[in-house]
Amino acid sequence: EPVFPTQPESDNCPSGMHELTDKWCGVYSEIGAWTWSAAVNYCAESGYGSVPSVEDKEIAAALELERQNYIGTDQETFWIG
């Protein structure tokens, strides 16, 4: 199950997620607990943005999903535009 630690949130993102930039939200989770695909699908199902197109996914891949380590966790980012 995805882990939703308390993070700064935004009205533009689902509860438990925080806005990283104008069009990207993110969630801090235990390593391996939350994938980008699961995150975008959850986001779309929750009424935030839409499931990304192939082009969006290619852009994300080119950005290496903007994954960064943050105090021992993975930061997954996903498109909410």
N, C-alpha and C. Protein backbone atom coordinates (compact mmCIF):
# COMPACT_ATOMS: atom_id res chain seq x y z
N GLU A 1 0.84 -1.19 0.00
CA GLU A 1 0.00 0.00 0.00
C GLU A 1 0.88 1.25 0.00
N PRO A 2 0.51 2.25 -0.79
CA PRO A 2 1.28 3.50 -0.77
C PRO A 2 1.26 4.13 0.61
N VAL A 3 2.34 4.77 0.94
CA VAL A 3 2.46 5.46 2.23
C VAL A 3 2.31 6.95 1.97
N PHE A 4 1.50 7.62 2.76
CA PHE A 4 1.28 9.05 2.59
C PHE A 4 1.75 9.82 3.81
N PRO A 5 3.05 10.03 3.96
CA PRO A 5 3.50 10.86 5.07
C PRO A 5 2.96 12.28 4.94
N THR A 6 2.94 12.99 6.03
CA THR A 6 2.48 14.38 5.99
C THR A 6 3.48 15.21 5.20
N GLN A 7 2.98 15.87 4.16
CA GLN A 7 3.80 16.74 3.33
C GLN A 7 2.96 17.97 3.00
N PRO A 8 3.60 19.05 2.60
CA PRO A 8 2.82 20.21 2.15
C PRO A 8 1.88 19.78 1.03
N GLU A 9 0.62 20.14 1.15
CA GLU A 9 -0.36 19.74 0.15
C GLU A 9 -0.85 20.95 -0.63
N SER A 10 -1.55 20.67 -1.68
CA SER A 10 -2.07 21.71 -2.56
C SER A 10 -3.47 21.32 -3.00
N ASP A 11 -4.32 22.30 -3.23
CA ASP A 11 -5.66 22.02 -3.75
C ASP A 11 -5.58 21.40 -5.15
N ASN A 12 -4.43 21.51 -5.79
CA ASN A 12 -4.26 20.97 -7.13
C ASN A 12 -3.85 19.50 -7.13
N CYS A 13 -3.68 18.94 -5.94
CA CYS A 13 -3.22 17.56 -5.84
C CYS A 13 -4.14 16.77 -4.91
N PRO A 14 -4.18 15.45 -5.08
CA PRO A 14 -4.96 14.64 -4.16
C PRO A 14 -4.43 14.76 -2.73
N SER A 15 -5.27 14.45 -1.78
CA SER A 15 -4.86 14.48 -0.38
C SER A 15 -3.66 13.57 -0.18
N GLY A 16 -2.71 14.04 0.59
CA GLY A 16 -1.51 13.26 0.85
C GLY A 16 -0.40 13.50 -0.15
N MET A 17 -0.71 14.27 -1.18
CA MET A 17 0.30 14.58 -2.18
C MET A 17 0.57 16.07 -2.17
N HIS A 18 1.70 16.47 -2.67
CA HIS A 18 2.07 17.87 -2.64
C HIS A 18 2.46 18.32 -4.04
N GLU A 19 2.28 19.60 -4.28
CA GLU A 19 2.58 20.16 -5.59
C GLU A 19 4.07 20.47 -5.68
N LEU A 20 4.70 19.92 -6.72
CA LEU A 20 6.14 20.14 -6.91
C LEU A 20 6.38 21.31 -7.84
N THR A 21 5.59 21.38 -8.89
CA THR A 21 5.64 22.50 -9.83
C THR A 21 4.22 22.76 -10.27
N ASP A 22 4.05 23.60 -11.25
CA ASP A 22 2.71 23.96 -11.70
C ASP A 22 1.91 22.76 -12.19
N LYS A 23 2.57 21.81 -12.80
CA LYS A 23 1.84 20.70 -13.40
C LYS A 23 2.22 19.33 -12.85
N TRP A 24 3.04 19.29 -11.84
CA TRP A 24 3.45 18.00 -11.31
C TRP A 24 3.14 17.92 -9.82
N CYS A 25 2.61 16.78 -9.43
CA CYS A 25 2.40 16.50 -8.01
C CYS A 25 3.33 15.36 -7.63
N GLY A 26 3.52 15.16 -6.36
CA GLY A 26 4.36 14.07 -5.92
C GLY A 26 3.90 13.51 -4.61
N VAL A 27 4.41 12.34 -4.30
CA VAL A 27 4.12 11.73 -3.01
C VAL A 27 5.41 11.09 -2.52
N TYR A 28 5.68 11.25 -1.25
CA TYR A 28 6.80 10.56 -0.64
C TYR A 28 6.30 9.22 -0.16
N SER A 29 6.99 8.16 -0.48
CA SER A 29 6.55 6.82 -0.09
C SER A 29 7.75 5.97 0.25
N GLU A 30 7.47 4.85 0.87
CA GLU A 30 8.54 3.90 1.12
C GLU A 30 9.06 3.43 -0.23
N ILE A 31 10.34 3.15 -0.30
CA ILE A 31 10.95 2.75 -1.57
C ILE A 31 10.22 1.54 -2.14
N GLY A 32 9.81 1.67 -3.38
CA GLY A 32 9.13 0.58 -4.05
C GLY A 32 7.65 0.47 -3.78
N ALA A 33 7.12 1.32 -2.90
CA ALA A 33 5.72 1.18 -2.50
C ALA A 33 4.77 1.91 -3.45
N TRP A 34 5.29 2.84 -4.22
CA TRP A 34 4.41 3.69 -5.03
C TRP A 34 5.10 3.91 -6.36
N THR A 35 4.50 3.43 -7.44
CA THR A 35 5.10 3.63 -8.75
C THR A 35 4.47 4.83 -9.45
N TRP A 36 5.16 5.33 -10.44
CA TRP A 36 4.66 6.48 -11.18
C TRP A 36 3.33 6.15 -11.83
N SER A 37 3.22 4.97 -12.45
CA SER A 37 1.97 4.59 -13.11
C SER A 37 0.82 4.52 -12.12
N ALA A 38 1.07 3.93 -10.97
CA ALA A 38 0.02 3.85 -9.95
C ALA A 38 -0.37 5.24 -9.48
N ALA A 39 0.62 6.11 -9.36
CA ALA A 39 0.35 7.47 -8.89
C ALA A 39 -0.51 8.23 -9.88
N VAL A 40 -0.17 8.17 -11.17
CA VAL A 40 -0.96 8.92 -12.14
C VAL A 40 -2.37 8.36 -12.27
N ASN A 41 -2.49 7.05 -12.17
CA ASN A 41 -3.82 6.46 -12.26
C ASN A 41 -4.66 6.85 -11.06
N TYR A 42 -4.05 6.83 -9.88
CA TYR A 42 -4.76 7.25 -8.67
C TYR A 42 -5.19 8.71 -8.81
N CYS A 43 -4.28 9.51 -9.32
CA CYS A 43 -4.54 10.93 -9.49
C CYS A 43 -5.73 11.13 -10.43
N ALA A 44 -5.72 10.46 -11.58
CA ALA A 44 -6.79 10.62 -12.55
C ALA A 44 -8.12 10.11 -11.99
N GLU A 45 -8.08 8.97 -11.32
CA GLU A 45 -9.30 8.41 -10.75
C GLU A 45 -9.87 9.32 -9.67
N SER A 46 -9.01 10.08 -9.03
CA SER A 46 -9.44 10.98 -7.97
C SER A 46 -9.89 12.33 -8.51
N GLY A 47 -9.85 12.48 -9.83
CA GLY A 47 -10.33 13.71 -10.44
C GLY A 47 -9.30 14.80 -10.58
N TYR A 48 -8.04 14.44 -10.47
CA TYR A 48 -6.96 15.42 -10.62
C TYR A 48 -6.22 15.10 -11.91
N GLY A 49 -6.38 15.96 -12.89
CA GLY A 49 -5.69 15.75 -14.15
C GLY A 49 -6.24 14.54 -14.89
N SER A 50 -5.44 13.96 -15.74
CA SER A 50 -5.86 12.81 -16.52
C SER A 50 -4.69 11.86 -16.68
N VAL A 51 -5.02 10.63 -17.07
CA VAL A 51 -3.94 9.67 -17.30
C VAL A 51 -3.06 10.22 -18.42
N PRO A 52 -1.76 10.25 -18.22
CA PRO A 52 -0.87 10.88 -19.20
C PRO A 52 -0.86 10.15 -20.54
N SER A 53 -0.65 10.93 -21.57
CA SER A 53 -0.53 10.36 -22.91
C SER A 53 0.84 9.69 -23.05
N VAL A 54 1.01 8.98 -24.15
CA VAL A 54 2.30 8.36 -24.43
C VAL A 54 3.39 9.43 -24.45
N GLU A 55 3.07 10.58 -25.04
CA GLU A 55 4.05 11.67 -25.10
C GLU A 55 4.42 12.14 -23.70
N ASP A 56 3.43 12.29 -22.83
CA ASP A 56 3.71 12.69 -21.46
C ASP A 56 4.62 11.68 -20.78
N LYS A 57 4.34 10.40 -21.02
CA LYS A 57 5.15 9.35 -20.40
C LYS A 57 6.58 9.39 -20.92
N GLU A 58 6.72 9.69 -22.22
CA GLU A 58 8.07 9.79 -22.78
C GLU A 58 8.82 10.96 -22.17
N ILE A 59 8.11 12.07 -21.97
CA ILE A 59 8.73 13.23 -21.32
C ILE A 59 9.17 12.85 -19.91
N ALA A 60 8.29 12.18 -19.20
CA ALA A 60 8.62 11.77 -17.83
C ALA A 60 9.81 10.84 -17.81
N ALA A 61 9.86 9.91 -18.77
CA ALA A 61 10.99 9.00 -18.84
C ALA A 61 12.27 9.77 -19.10
N ALA A 62 12.18 10.77 -19.97
CA ALA A 62 13.36 11.58 -20.28
C ALA A 62 13.83 12.34 -19.04
N LEU A 63 12.89 12.68 -18.18
CA LEU A 63 13.23 13.38 -16.94
C LEU A 63 13.59 12.40 -15.83
N GLU A 64 13.64 11.12 -16.20
CA GLU A 64 13.89 10.06 -15.22
C GLU A 64 12.89 10.14 -14.08
N LEU A 65 11.67 10.51 -14.41
CA LEU A 65 10.56 10.64 -13.47
C LEU A 65 10.85 11.64 -12.36
N GLU A 66 11.91 12.43 -12.55
CA GLU A 66 12.28 13.41 -11.53
C GLU A 66 12.44 12.77 -10.16
N ARG A 67 12.86 11.53 -10.14
CA ARG A 67 12.99 10.83 -8.85
C ARG A 67 14.21 11.34 -8.10
N GLN A 68 14.02 11.61 -6.84
CA GLN A 68 15.11 12.05 -5.99
C GLN A 68 14.98 11.35 -4.65
N ASN A 69 16.10 11.13 -4.01
CA ASN A 69 16.05 10.59 -2.66
C ASN A 69 15.77 11.72 -1.69
N TYR A 70 14.91 11.46 -0.74
CA TYR A 70 14.58 12.48 0.26
C TYR A 70 14.45 11.79 1.60
N ILE A 71 15.47 11.94 2.41
CA ILE A 71 15.50 11.34 3.75
C ILE A 71 15.08 9.87 3.69
N GLY A 72 15.77 9.11 2.84
CA GLY A 72 15.56 7.68 2.81
C GLY A 72 14.31 7.20 2.10
N THR A 73 13.63 8.09 1.38
CA THR A 73 12.44 7.67 0.65
C THR A 73 12.60 8.02 -0.82
N ASP A 74 11.72 7.50 -1.62
CA ASP A 74 11.67 7.87 -3.03
C ASP A 74 10.64 8.96 -3.22
N GLN A 75 10.97 9.91 -4.04
CA GLN A 75 10.00 10.93 -4.42
C GLN A 75 9.55 10.60 -5.83
N GLU A 76 8.29 10.31 -5.97
CA GLU A 76 7.74 10.04 -7.30
C GLU A 76 6.96 11.27 -7.73
N THR A 77 7.17 11.69 -8.94
CA THR A 77 6.42 12.84 -9.44
C THR A 77 5.59 12.39 -10.62
N PHE A 78 4.49 13.04 -10.83
CA PHE A 78 3.65 12.65 -11.94
C PHE A 78 2.88 13.84 -12.47
N TRP A 79 2.53 13.72 -13.72
CA TRP A 79 1.87 14.81 -14.43
C TRP A 79 0.44 14.95 -13.96
N ILE A 80 0.01 16.18 -13.67
CA ILE A 80 -1.38 16.40 -13.31
C ILE A 80 -2.07 17.31 -14.30
N GLY A 81 -1.39 17.68 -15.38
CA GLY A 81 -1.99 18.55 -16.37
C GLY A 81 -2.96 17.79 -17.22
